[in-house]
Protein backbone atom coordinates (compact mmCIF):
# COMPACT_ATOMS: atom_id res chain seq x y z
CA MET A 1 -84.03 113.59 34.13
CA TYR A 2 -81.46 113.41 36.90
CA LEU A 3 -82.90 110.08 38.04
CA LYS A 4 -82.44 108.61 34.58
CA THR A 5 -78.69 109.23 34.60
CA MET A 6 -78.32 107.56 37.98
CA LEU A 7 -79.99 104.29 36.96
CA ALA A 8 -77.86 101.20 37.00
CA SER A 9 -77.02 99.62 33.67
CA HIS A 10 -79.26 96.60 34.37
CA VAL A 11 -82.40 98.78 34.87
CA LYS A 12 -84.36 100.89 32.41
CA GLN A 13 -87.14 103.36 33.11
CA LYS A 14 -90.51 103.22 31.40
CA GLY A 15 -92.67 106.09 32.61
CA TYR A 16 -92.68 105.90 36.40
CA TYR A 17 -91.67 102.26 36.47
CA LEU A 18 -88.18 100.83 36.76
CA ILE A 19 -87.86 97.66 34.72
CA PRO A 20 -84.87 95.35 35.09
CA LYS A 21 -83.22 94.30 31.86
CA ILE A 22 -83.21 90.52 31.68
CA LYS A 23 -80.94 88.58 29.39
CA LEU A 24 -82.33 85.15 28.67
CA LEU A 25 -80.06 82.16 28.16
CA ASP A 26 -80.25 80.29 24.90
CA LYS A 27 -81.78 76.82 24.86
CA TYR A 28 -78.45 74.99 25.18
CA GLN A 29 -77.21 77.11 28.09
CA ARG A 30 -80.52 76.48 29.86
CA TRP A 31 -80.11 72.72 29.38
CA ARG A 32 -76.64 72.88 30.93
CA LYS A 33 -77.90 74.95 33.88
CA VAL A 34 -80.78 72.53 34.48
CA ALA A 35 -78.31 69.63 34.37
CA GLU A 36 -76.22 71.39 37.04
CA VAL A 37 -79.23 72.05 39.26
CA PHE A 38 -80.51 68.47 39.00
CA LYS A 39 -76.97 67.13 39.50
CA ILE A 40 -77.24 64.57 36.75
CA SER A 41 -74.35 62.12 36.35
CA GLN A 42 -71.23 62.80 34.29
CA GLU A 43 -72.40 60.21 31.75
CA ALA A 44 -75.75 61.98 31.36
CA LYS A 45 -73.96 65.34 30.98
CA GLN A 46 -71.80 63.81 28.26
CA ARG A 47 -74.95 62.63 26.44
CA LEU A 48 -76.36 66.14 26.76
CA ASN A 49 -73.15 67.45 25.14
CA TRP A 50 -73.71 65.02 22.24
CA ILE A 51 -77.18 66.42 21.66
CA ILE A 52 -76.08 70.05 21.97
CA TYR A 53 -73.23 69.43 19.52
CA TYR A 54 -75.66 67.72 17.14
CA HIS A 55 -77.97 70.75 17.12
CA LYS A 56 -75.42 73.54 17.33
CA HIS A 57 -72.26 72.46 15.49
CA ALA A 58 -72.92 69.36 13.39
CA GLU A 59 -75.93 70.89 11.63
CA ARG A 60 -78.11 67.98 12.74
CA ASN A 61 -75.77 65.38 11.32
CA ALA A 62 -75.59 62.25 13.48
CA THR A 63 -72.56 60.87 11.63
CA LEU A 64 -70.48 63.98 12.35
CA THR A 65 -71.58 64.00 15.97
CA ALA A 66 -70.76 60.33 16.48
CA ARG A 67 -67.38 60.72 14.81
CA TYR A 68 -66.53 63.80 16.89
CA PHE A 69 -67.28 62.03 20.19
CA GLY A 70 -65.97 58.61 19.15
CA ILE A 71 -69.28 56.78 19.57
CA SER A 72 -71.36 54.73 17.18
CA ARG A 73 -74.28 56.28 15.32
CA LYS A 74 -76.50 53.60 16.81
CA THR A 75 -75.56 54.71 20.33
CA PHE A 76 -76.18 58.35 19.46
CA HIS A 77 -79.57 57.60 17.91
CA LYS A 78 -80.60 55.48 20.90
CA TRP A 79 -80.02 58.38 23.31
CA PHE A 80 -81.33 61.00 20.89
CA LYS A 81 -84.67 59.14 20.65
CA LEU A 82 -84.96 59.02 24.44
CA PHE A 83 -84.01 62.67 24.94
CA ASP A 84 -86.76 65.04 26.06
CA GLU A 85 -85.68 68.67 26.38
CA ASN A 86 -88.31 69.25 29.07
CA ASN A 87 -87.05 66.35 31.18
CA LEU A 88 -83.26 65.94 31.24
CA HIS A 89 -83.63 62.90 33.48
CA THR A 90 -84.36 60.95 30.29
CA LEU A 91 -80.59 61.02 29.66
CA LYS A 92 -80.09 58.69 32.59
CA LEU A 93 -83.23 56.54 32.48
CA LEU A 94 -81.72 53.85 30.30
CA GLU A 95 -78.53 53.96 32.34
CA ASP A 96 -80.47 53.29 35.55
CA SER A 97 -82.60 50.54 34.04
CA SER A 98 -79.60 48.77 32.53
CA LYS A 99 -77.80 48.83 35.89
CA ALA A 100 -80.90 47.48 37.62
CA GLN A 101 -81.23 44.77 35.00
CA THR A 102 -77.64 43.55 35.41
CA ILE A 103 -78.03 43.46 39.19
CA SER A 104 -81.26 41.43 38.94
CA ASP A 105 -79.61 39.11 36.39
CA ARG A 106 -76.77 38.43 38.81
CA LYS A 107 -79.26 37.48 41.52
CA ARG A 108 -80.95 34.95 39.22
CA LEU A 109 -77.77 33.16 38.18
CA PRO A 110 -77.08 29.99 40.15
CA LYS A 111 -73.97 30.09 42.30
CA LYS A 112 -71.02 28.05 41.11
CA ARG A 113 -70.25 25.07 43.26
CA SER A 114 -66.74 24.66 44.46
CA LYS A 115 -65.12 21.29 44.01
CA GLY A 116 -64.26 19.71 47.24
């Protein structure tokens, strides 16, 4: 019995075993932690905030979410369709491909000739 009173608050005893008490994060906190670990861009983190707000506060209402963040519903739906909760890199895939596309488009454009 004396041992039981000396246990730390984060450990419980079950028979002879000491079992740590583990508090799991909710789904949205886990997404934010994963985003930190993977060091995704600020833009991708903002998109993650849109999706968390959509699920948690706007009661799955895209119009309220778009209005709250000052974006169009079309933009929200585009990113929401791409979002995969098991792969947060999907929040930046379109961003990377659109940047790559504009760079390749610039290379294809003919250079302007200077008059002279």
